Amino acid sequence: MARFRNLAFWDDTLRFGKRKSVTRLWHAILKYDPTRRVAFSTYAGVAIAHQVWAAVRQESALAPAEM
């Protein structure tokens, strides 16, 4: 069970990332420019993925050390 020691921490991290993703989705809706010939799903997907990974990196820097 040592493998799942920090499961609650990562669950919180993913929830934090999801909240940030909604914010990023709203930002993508407002900033999307169809004249650039990029599908909205691609534009928003990249923006959301970037935000989730940024949140994971930020939170993992604060993660408790594994023993």
C-alpha atoms as a PDB file:
ATOM      1  CA  MET A   1       0.000   0.000   0.000  1.00  0.00           C
ATOM      2  CA  ALA A   2       2.998   2.288   0.125  1.00  0.00           C
ATOM      3  CA  ARG A   3       2.412   2.875  -3.563  1.00  0.00           C
ATOM      4  CA  PHE A   4      -0.840   4.740  -2.794  1.00  0.00           C
ATOM      5  CA  ARG A   5       0.465   6.687   0.170  1.00  0.00           C
ATOM      6  CA  ASN A   6      -0.075  10.096  -1.445  1.00  0.00           C
ATOM      7  CA  LEU A   7      -3.279   9.238  -3.303  1.00  0.00           C
ATOM      8  CA  ALA A   8      -5.299  11.905  -1.471  1.00  0.00           C
ATOM      9  CA  PHE A   9      -2.694  14.524  -2.354  1.00  0.00           C
ATOM     10  CA  TRP A  10      -2.848  13.645  -6.060  1.00  0.00           C
ATOM     11  CA  ASP A  11      -6.645  13.552  -5.972  1.00  0.00           C
ATOM     12  CA  ASP A  12      -6.589  17.133  -4.686  1.00  0.00           C
ATOM     13  CA  THR A  13      -4.062  18.058  -7.364  1.00  0.00           C
ATOM     14  CA  LEU A  14      -6.261  16.687 -10.146  1.00  0.00           C
ATOM     15  CA  ARG A  15      -9.294  18.514  -8.769  1.00  0.00           C
ATOM     16  CA  PHE A  16      -7.253  21.715  -8.741  1.00  0.00           C
ATOM     17  CA  GLY A  17      -6.223  21.042 -12.353  1.00  0.00           C
ATOM     18  CA  LYS A  18      -9.845  20.509 -13.376  1.00  0.00           C
ATOM     19  CA  ARG A  19     -10.881  23.841 -11.858  1.00  0.00           C
ATOM     20  CA  LYS A  20      -8.074  25.533 -13.742  1.00  0.00           C
ATOM     21  CA  SER A  21      -9.149  23.724 -16.922  1.00  0.00           C
ATOM     22  CA  VAL A  22     -12.606  25.244 -16.744  1.00  0.00           C
ATOM     23  CA  THR A  23     -11.021  28.676 -16.423  1.00  0.00           C
ATOM     24  CA  ARG A  24      -8.767  27.912 -19.385  1.00  0.00           C
ATOM     25  CA  LEU A  25     -11.732  26.672 -21.433  1.00  0.00           C
ATOM     26  CA  TRP A  26     -13.550  29.936 -20.810  1.00  0.00           C
ATOM     27  CA  HIS A  27     -10.416  31.828 -21.825  1.00  0.00           C
ATOM     28  CA  ALA A  28     -10.208  29.733 -25.021  1.00  0.00           C
ATOM     29  CA  ILE A  29     -13.848  30.504 -25.829  1.00  0.00           C
ATOM     30  CA  LEU A  30     -13.190  34.215 -25.506  1.00  0.00           C
ATOM     31  CA  LYS A  31      -9.888  34.251 -27.411  1.00  0.00           C
ATOM     32  CA  TYR A  32     -10.628  31.753 -30.209  1.00  0.00           C
ATOM     33  CA  ASP A  33     -10.067  33.204 -33.671  1.00  0.00           C
ATOM     34  CA  PRO A  34     -11.579  31.072 -36.468  1.00  0.00           C
ATOM     35  CA  THR A  35      -9.684  33.045 -39.104  1.00  0.00           C
ATOM     36  CA  ARG A  36      -6.483  31.291 -37.986  1.00  0.00           C
ATOM     37  CA  ARG A  37      -7.840  28.044 -39.502  1.00  0.00           C
ATOM     38  CA  VAL A  38      -7.406  25.938 -36.370  1.00  0.00           C
ATOM     39  CA  ALA A  39     -10.272  23.848 -35.042  1.00  0.00           C
ATOM     40  CA  PHE A  40     -11.636  25.069 -31.729  1.00  0.00           C
ATOM     41  CA  SER A  41     -11.214  21.594 -30.216  1.00  0.00           C
ATOM     42  CA  THR A  42      -7.505  21.685 -31.057  1.00  0.00           C
ATOM     43  CA  TYR A  43      -7.058  25.210 -29.753  1.00  0.00           C
ATOM     44  CA  ALA A  44      -8.918  24.568 -26.512  1.00  0.00           C
ATOM     45  CA  GLY A  45      -7.431  21.104 -26.019  1.00  0.00           C
ATOM     46  CA  VAL A  46      -3.878  22.401 -26.158  1.00  0.00           C
ATOM     47  CA  ALA A  47      -4.691  25.289 -23.818  1.00  0.00           C
ATOM     48  CA  ILE A  48      -6.398  23.008 -21.294  1.00  0.00           C
ATOM     49  CA  ALA A  49      -3.663  20.363 -21.410  1.00  0.00           C
ATOM     50  CA  HIS A  50      -1.045  23.050 -20.832  1.00  0.00           C
ATOM     51  CA  GLN A  51      -2.955  24.370 -17.827  1.00  0.00           C
ATOM     52  CA  VAL A  52      -3.419  20.909 -16.285  1.00  0.00           C
ATOM     53  CA  TRP A  53       0.276  20.070 -16.653  1.00  0.00           C
ATOM     54  CA  ALA A  54       1.246  23.444 -15.194  1.00  0.00           C
ATOM     55  CA  ALA A  55      -0.993  22.754 -12.185  1.00  0.00           C
ATOM     56  CA  VAL A  56       0.489  19.271 -11.738  1.00  0.00           C
ATOM     57  CA  ARG A  57       4.031  20.655 -11.923  1.00  0.00           C
ATOM     58  CA  GLN A  58       3.179  23.373  -9.414  1.00  0.00           C
ATOM     59  CA  GLU A  59       1.507  20.984  -6.986  1.00  0.00           C
ATOM     60  CA  SER A  60       4.110  18.233  -7.359  1.00  0.00           C
ATOM     61  CA  ALA A  61       6.778  20.677  -6.225  1.00  0.00           C
ATOM     62  CA  LEU A  62       4.807  20.794  -2.958  1.00  0.00           C
ATOM     63  CA  ALA A  63       4.255  17.023  -2.777  1.00  0.00           C
ATOM     64  CA  PRO A  64       5.411  15.191   0.334  1.00  0.00           C
ATOM     65  CA  ALA A  65       8.649  13.305  -0.204  1.00  0.00           C
ATOM     66  CA  GLU A  66       8.296   9.616  -1.015  1.00  0.00           C
ATOM     67  CA  MET A  67       9.993   7.293   1.449  1.00  0.00           C
END
